[in-house]
C-alpha cells in the first residue's frame, strides 16, 4: 500500500530537498507567510524528484517508453551524427516531459551501451521540432538484443540545465532500467531501425518503463489516434 502512495525520491533530488527545507525553517523563524510559501516549494521539489516503481513488459522485440510524458513525435529522422549510426532516417519517437512529469529516464530495450556522447547546445522549448537537433543532449547508442542498434537521446529543455546519465559504453542494460535524469522539463527521443513498428501515436501519454512504444516483431501498419 505504501509503495503505491509514497514514491521514493531520486538520489539526485535529496540535496535540493535539504536546501529547500533549510530555507523553509529559516523563513518560518523570520516571517511565517514566507515560510509557508517555502514549504509548498519544498514539497514540490520532493514531488518533482519522485522515482516511482514501474512494472516493465518483457518480451523479445518490445521497446518501452524511456520517459513519462506526451508523445510529440512519431516520424523518421537521422540519428545524432555523433553516434556514428549513418545518415539514413530511422523511426524516431519523441516524448516531452513537462515540469509535472516524472523525470527519471528508463532504458527502452535490453542490450549493451556501445557509445555515449554529450553535445553542448541551445536550450529551446523541448517540445519544438528543432529541439532534437539544436538543444544540449546526451546521446546513447545501444546494441539491442533484438532489432539492431538503437539510439536514446536525453535532450535539455527551456529551463533544464542539467542532464544526468548513469550508464557508459560497455555496460549491459535491461529494459525499464533507470539510467538518468533531466532537470527540469525536457525531452527524450528514441531512434529505431526500420524493422521496428511504432505502437505510439502523437498526443498519447506515455509511462516510462511501462508503455510499449514499438515492436520489432509486429506486422501491422502504424496506428492512428482519435481524440475524445
Protein backbone atom coordinates (compact mmCIF):
# COMPACT_ATOMS: atom_id res chain seq x y z
CA UNK A 1 0.00 0.00 0.00
CA UNK A 2 2.75 2.47 0.94
CA UNK A 3 4.58 1.78 -2.33
CA UNK A 4 1.51 2.97 -4.24
CA UNK A 5 1.09 6.13 -2.16
CA UNK A 6 4.67 7.28 -1.49
CA UNK A 7 7.22 7.17 -4.29
CA UNK A 8 10.90 7.31 -3.29
CA UNK A 9 12.99 10.36 -4.18
CA UNK A 10 15.75 10.08 -6.75
CA UNK A 11 19.19 10.36 -5.05
CA UNK A 12 19.98 13.49 -7.06
CA UNK A 13 16.99 15.23 -5.52
CA UNK A 14 17.88 14.92 -1.86
CA UNK A 15 20.30 17.88 -1.86
CA UNK A 16 17.63 20.14 -3.36
CA UNK A 17 15.06 18.96 -0.81
CA UNK A 18 17.54 19.52 2.03
CA UNK A 19 18.38 23.06 0.86
CA UNK A 20 14.72 23.94 0.43
CA UNK A 21 13.87 22.51 3.85
CA UNK A 22 16.63 24.55 5.50
CA UNK A 23 15.42 27.74 3.79
CA UNK A 24 11.87 26.93 4.91
CA UNK A 25 12.92 26.68 8.57
CA UNK A 26 14.76 30.00 8.41
CA UNK A 27 11.82 31.75 6.73
CA UNK A 28 9.39 30.38 9.31
CA UNK A 29 11.58 31.92 12.00
CA UNK A 30 11.70 35.27 10.20
CA UNK A 31 8.21 35.56 8.70
CA UNK A 32 5.51 32.87 8.75
CA UNK A 33 3.84 33.68 5.37
CA UNK A 34 7.19 33.30 3.59
CA UNK A 35 7.76 30.04 5.44
CA UNK A 36 4.51 28.59 4.13
CA UNK A 37 5.46 29.54 0.58
CA UNK A 38 8.85 27.87 1.04
CA UNK A 39 7.19 24.76 2.47
CA UNK A 40 4.99 24.43 -0.61
CA UNK A 41 8.09 24.82 -2.81
CA UNK A 42 9.93 22.16 -0.79
CA UNK A 43 7.05 19.73 -1.25
CA UNK A 44 7.01 20.45 -4.98
CA UNK A 45 10.75 19.76 -5.25
CA UNK A 46 10.26 16.41 -3.48
CA UNK A 47 7.40 15.68 -5.89
CA UNK A 48 9.50 16.61 -8.93
CA UNK A 49 12.29 14.20 -7.98
CA UNK A 50 9.93 11.29 -7.30
CA UNK A 51 11.07 7.94 -8.65
CA UNK A 52 8.06 5.59 -8.64
CA UNK A 53 8.23 1.84 -9.07
CA UNK A 54 7.35 0.54 -12.52
CA UNK A 55 6.45 -2.87 -13.98
CA UNK A 56 8.11 -3.34 -17.38
CA UNK A 57 6.57 -5.62 -20.05
CA UNK A 58 9.27 -8.11 -21.06
CA UNK A 59 9.23 -9.92 -24.40
CA UNK A 60 11.80 -10.04 -27.24
CA UNK A 61 11.15 -7.24 -29.70
CA UNK A 62 9.42 -4.76 -27.39
CA UNK A 63 10.58 -1.19 -26.80
CA UNK A 64 9.12 0.67 -23.82
CA UNK A 65 8.89 4.39 -23.22
CA UNK A 66 12.14 5.88 -21.90
CA UNK A 67 10.27 8.59 -20.00
CA UNK A 68 6.93 9.82 -18.71
CA UNK A 69 5.23 12.49 -20.79
CA UNK A 70 3.43 13.31 -24.01
CA UNK A 71 4.46 11.72 -27.30
CA UNK A 72 5.32 14.70 -29.53
CA UNK A 73 6.95 12.92 -32.48
CA UNK A 74 6.48 9.66 -34.35
CA UNK A 75 8.41 10.25 -37.55
CA UNK A 76 11.59 9.49 -39.49
CA UNK A 77 14.84 11.33 -38.84
CA UNK A 78 18.60 10.65 -39.00
CA UNK A 79 20.06 9.68 -35.62
CA UNK A 80 22.54 12.05 -33.92
CA UNK A 81 25.69 12.21 -36.06
CA UNK A 82 27.96 11.81 -33.03
CA UNK A 83 26.71 8.23 -32.56
CA UNK A 84 28.09 7.22 -35.99
CA UNK A 85 24.95 5.30 -36.99
CA UNK A 86 24.79 6.68 -40.53
CA UNK A 87 22.61 9.36 -42.11
CA UNK A 88 19.65 7.18 -43.12
CA UNK A 89 16.42 8.22 -41.40
CA UNK A 90 15.27 5.96 -38.56
CA UNK A 91 11.97 5.69 -36.74
CA UNK A 92 12.01 8.45 -34.12
CA UNK A 93 9.65 8.54 -31.16
CA UNK A 94 9.96 11.67 -29.02
CA UNK A 95 8.49 12.20 -25.55
CA UNK A 96 8.18 15.65 -23.95
CA UNK A 97 8.48 15.83 -20.16
CA UNK A 98 6.75 18.77 -18.51
CA UNK A 99 7.81 20.00 -15.07
CA UNK A 100 4.95 17.92 -13.62
CA UNK A 101 6.13 14.61 -15.11
CA UNK A 102 8.47 12.05 -13.55
CA UNK A 103 11.93 12.95 -14.89
CA UNK A 104 13.72 9.65 -14.33
CA UNK A 105 14.75 8.08 -17.66
CA UNK A 106 14.49 4.33 -18.28
CA UNK A 107 16.01 2.03 -20.88
CA UNK A 108 13.62 1.21 -23.74
CA UNK A 109 15.31 -2.12 -24.57
CA UNK A 110 17.81 -4.63 -23.27
CA UNK A 111 21.29 -4.64 -24.77
CA UNK A 112 24.75 -3.15 -24.41
CA UNK A 113 25.72 0.53 -24.46
CA UNK A 114 28.11 0.97 -27.41
CA UNK A 115 28.67 4.70 -27.32
CA UNK A 116 27.86 7.66 -25.07
CA UNK A 117 28.34 11.24 -26.28
CA UNK A 118 27.44 14.58 -24.70
CA UNK A 119 26.92 17.54 -27.03
CA UNK A 120 26.55 21.14 -25.90
CA UNK A 121 23.77 23.17 -27.48
CA UNK A 122 20.85 25.53 -27.03
CA UNK A 123 18.00 25.40 -24.50
CA UNK A 124 14.96 25.78 -26.75
CA UNK A 125 11.48 24.54 -25.87
CA UNK A 126 11.94 20.75 -25.73
CA UNK A 127 8.55 20.16 -27.34
CA UNK A 128 9.54 22.03 -30.50
CA UNK A 129 10.55 20.40 -33.76
CA UNK A 130 14.12 21.79 -33.65
CA UNK A 131 14.88 20.73 -30.07
CA UNK A 132 16.21 17.32 -31.07
CA UNK A 133 18.73 18.93 -33.42
CA UNK A 134 19.77 22.13 -31.64
CA UNK A 135 19.46 21.57 -27.89
CA UNK A 136 22.07 20.26 -25.50
CA UNK A 137 21.86 16.48 -25.35
CA UNK A 138 23.29 13.21 -24.13
CA UNK A 139 23.14 10.51 -26.80
CA UNK A 140 23.46 6.76 -26.24
CA UNK A 141 23.95 4.08 -28.90
CA UNK A 142 22.70 0.70 -27.75
CA UNK A 143 23.22 -2.67 -29.39
CA UNK A 144 19.79 -4.10 -28.69
CA UNK A 145 19.39 -7.81 -28.14
CA UNK A 146 16.62 -7.77 -30.73
CA UNK A 147 16.13 -5.41 -33.68
CA UNK A 148 19.56 -3.87 -34.30
CA UNK A 149 21.29 -0.81 -32.85
CA UNK A 150 19.08 1.94 -31.45
CA UNK A 151 19.72 5.44 -30.08
CA UNK A 152 18.35 7.03 -26.91
CA UNK A 153 18.80 10.79 -26.59
CA UNK A 154 18.27 12.90 -23.45
CA UNK A 155 17.54 16.47 -24.54
CA UNK A 156 17.66 19.53 -22.31
CA UNK A 157 14.65 21.86 -22.41
CA UNK A 158 13.82 25.51 -21.95
CA UNK A 159 14.56 25.53 -18.21
CA UNK A 160 16.55 22.28 -18.00
CA UNK A 161 20.23 22.88 -17.33
CA UNK A 162 21.47 19.50 -16.18
CA UNK A 163 21.43 16.07 -17.81
CA UNK A 164 22.42 13.10 -15.67
CA UNK A 165 23.36 9.79 -17.29
CA UNK A 166 24.36 6.84 -15.12
CA UNK A 167 25.48 4.38 -17.82
CA UNK A 168 28.56 4.29 -20.03
CA UNK A 169 29.95 2.44 -23.04
CA UNK A 170 30.43 -1.27 -22.46
CA UNK A 171 27.67 -1.56 -19.86
CA UNK A 172 24.88 -4.11 -20.22
CA UNK A 173 21.37 -2.78 -19.61
CA UNK A 174 17.85 -4.19 -19.35
CA UNK A 175 14.51 -2.77 -20.47
CA UNK A 176 12.98 -0.49 -17.86
CA UNK A 177 16.30 0.09 -16.07
CA UNK A 178 16.82 3.59 -14.69
CA UNK A 179 19.70 5.29 -16.47
CA UNK A 180 19.43 9.02 -15.86
CA UNK A 181 17.52 12.17 -15.06
CA UNK A 182 16.98 15.59 -16.65
CA UNK A 183 16.29 18.74 -14.60
CA UNK A 184 13.68 20.47 -15.10
CA UNK A 185 11.48 19.99 -18.20
CA UNK A 186 12.98 18.11 -21.11
CA UNK A 187 12.58 15.56 -23.90
CA UNK A 188 13.75 12.01 -24.56
CA UNK A 189 13.94 10.60 -28.11
CA UNK A 190 14.35 7.00 -29.24
CA UNK A 191 15.66 6.13 -32.72
CA UNK A 192 14.82 2.65 -34.01
CA UNK A 193 15.74 0.79 -37.24
CA UNK A 194 13.05 0.28 -39.94
CA UNK A 195 12.28 -3.23 -38.70
CA UNK A 196 10.52 -1.69 -35.69
CA UNK A 197 6.80 -0.90 -35.94
CA UNK A 198 5.67 2.15 -33.94
CA UNK A 199 2.87 1.48 -31.48
CA UNK A 200 2.76 5.02 -30.06
CA UNK A 201 0.86 7.96 -31.55
CA UNK A 202 1.38 11.71 -31.26
CA UNK A 203 -0.56 13.11 -28.32
CA UNK A 204 -0.52 9.87 -26.35
CA UNK A 205 0.60 9.91 -22.72
CA UNK A 206 3.49 7.53 -22.07
CA UNK A 207 4.58 5.96 -18.79
CA UNK A 208 8.33 5.43 -18.61
CA UNK A 209 9.33 1.79 -18.35
CA UNK A 210 5.77 0.55 -18.91
CA UNK A 211 4.18 1.90 -22.11
CA UNK A 212 5.15 -0.16 -25.18
CA UNK A 213 6.09 2.30 -27.94
CA UNK A 214 7.37 -0.05 -30.67
CA UNK A 215 7.65 -3.72 -31.59
CA UNK A 216 10.35 -5.29 -33.78
CA UNK A 217 8.21 -8.37 -34.36
CA UNK A 218 4.87 -6.75 -35.14
CA UNK A 219 3.38 -7.00 -38.61
CA UNK A 220 0.84 -4.20 -38.71
CA UNK A 221 0.57 -0.66 -40.10
CA UNK A 222 1.30 2.35 -37.89
CA UNK A 223 -1.55 3.16 -35.51
CA UNK A 224 -3.79 6.17 -35.82
CA UNK A 225 -5.40 8.01 -32.93
CA UNK A 226 -8.64 9.84 -32.26
CA UNK A 227 -9.12 12.50 -29.59
CA UNK A 228 -12.19 12.27 -27.36
